[in-house]
Amino acid sequence: MAGTKLIKNIDTSEPILSLLCILVARFDFSWGDAEFHQETLENLRTAVKKSKKLCAVMLDSGGPELQVVNKSEHPISLQADSLVVLTPDQDKEATPNLLPINFSGLSKSVKKGDTIFIGQYLFTGSETTSVWLEVTEVKGEDVVCLIKSSATLAGPLYTLHVSQIRIELPTLTDKDKVLSSWAVRNRIDILSLSYTQNAEDVRHAREFLSKLGDLNQTQILAKIENVEGMGNFDEILGEADGIILSRGNLEIDLPPEKVFLFQKAAVHRCNMAGKPAVVTRVVDSMTDNLRPTRAEATDVANAVLDGSDAILLGAETLRGLYPIDTISTVGKICAEAEKVYNQDVYFKRAVKCVGEPMSHLESIASSAVRARCCHQGQGICYYLLHFFRESCETSLPDLLTKECHHILKSIL
């Protein structure tokens, strides 16, 4: 797979073969503790040495993620057309009629008629682990909701997402900052900044990382997950090193018929800015099934043809039954789509967007790509073909300047 790369969540028990097609390993601290992730990282490093393949480490910040707390961990069955109360009192036990949450300001943020989604893996329309709620009343700090779909919530924590409502919480939370010691100790390559809402969030995260010594060169990928991030997309793109389109959350804030349009527009803007675009939630069904649906297979291919630089796999590889098969299948689909991708048209469009005069470094890359398109050359020209399309941590020949290394670091 020459162009589109794979990013995946990994588990401590996964074998070395699962690393053969991935470029980045994602560590999501929303699940598991530091000890669990450290063990996973050690397994990753062992696998990298044995397979002799490079794999970057990406830390996914938790961000201002609202959660329902179920201390008993007993399954909670919610029935459609019943009422349930969301309360900030975490001392209360979670029941089918009462769900404690970790945020005391929800009652001030929502109003009657607002939509709330709750679930262990968020709402997709088919999962029985997620539920759709509609706010019917606000009582003090409590929010009374009508259950719109039946579901069974299992486990200690469930994500809560309020559709199209701004939640006044910092993007880089105190919990995320506590994780900085783990990040510094393991010298992470990439920070996935969850719930990025504006360019200031990215600047704040970069300033924080710059104070941590070895992390001052860490790349920041901004995750676009809500209407606030969508509304400030261009300014976020200008500040971040790349974009992750978190479609699981976006499909809650956007009507289904609008999701594809935003995805195409966002990926195009990333392409023209020369920054990587990452797409999530592509083969959810492979969490429990050996093969993806026809719609999912087509979705992966279309993401590549739209110009996506990477596919991020989550539940399919973290808790899925077929993590290696998932990687292999998605990798093959990406490779087939790359074969029919019109690189020449893409290059001309990108050059037109850059405009004249080009910078010295852009001119070098542009000339190399033009030579590749005209003469079908090999070697360095082949790798430079992906100047506008990829981003990963690799080394370049000494003849390139440090600045050129920064821009063209994706060529290998």
Foldseek 3Di string as FASTA:
>chain_A
DQFAAAEEEAFLPDDLLLCPGHAEYEDECVDDDLVRVVSSVVRVVVSCVVVVDHYAYEYEAPFPWKKWFAPVQDKEKAAAQDKAKEACPPVDHDYNRYTHMVDQCPLVFDDFFWKKKKFAQFDDPPALRMWIWTFHDRDRSMTMTGTHHIHIHGGGMITMDTAQIDDPDQQCDPVNLVCVVVCLVVVGQEYERPPDQALVSLVVVLVSQCVSPSRNNRFYEYEHQHPSCLVHVVRNLVRHQHYEDAVSRVCRRDPPVCSVVSLLVSLVVLLLVLHAYEYEDQFVVLLEDLDGDPRSLVVLLVSVLSQHRYYYYYSNNHRRPCSSSVSVSSVVSNVVSVVPRDLVVSLVVSDVSCDPDDDPLVVVLNVLCVCCVVPVDDDQSQLSSCLSRYDHADDDDPVDDPVSCVRSVRSD
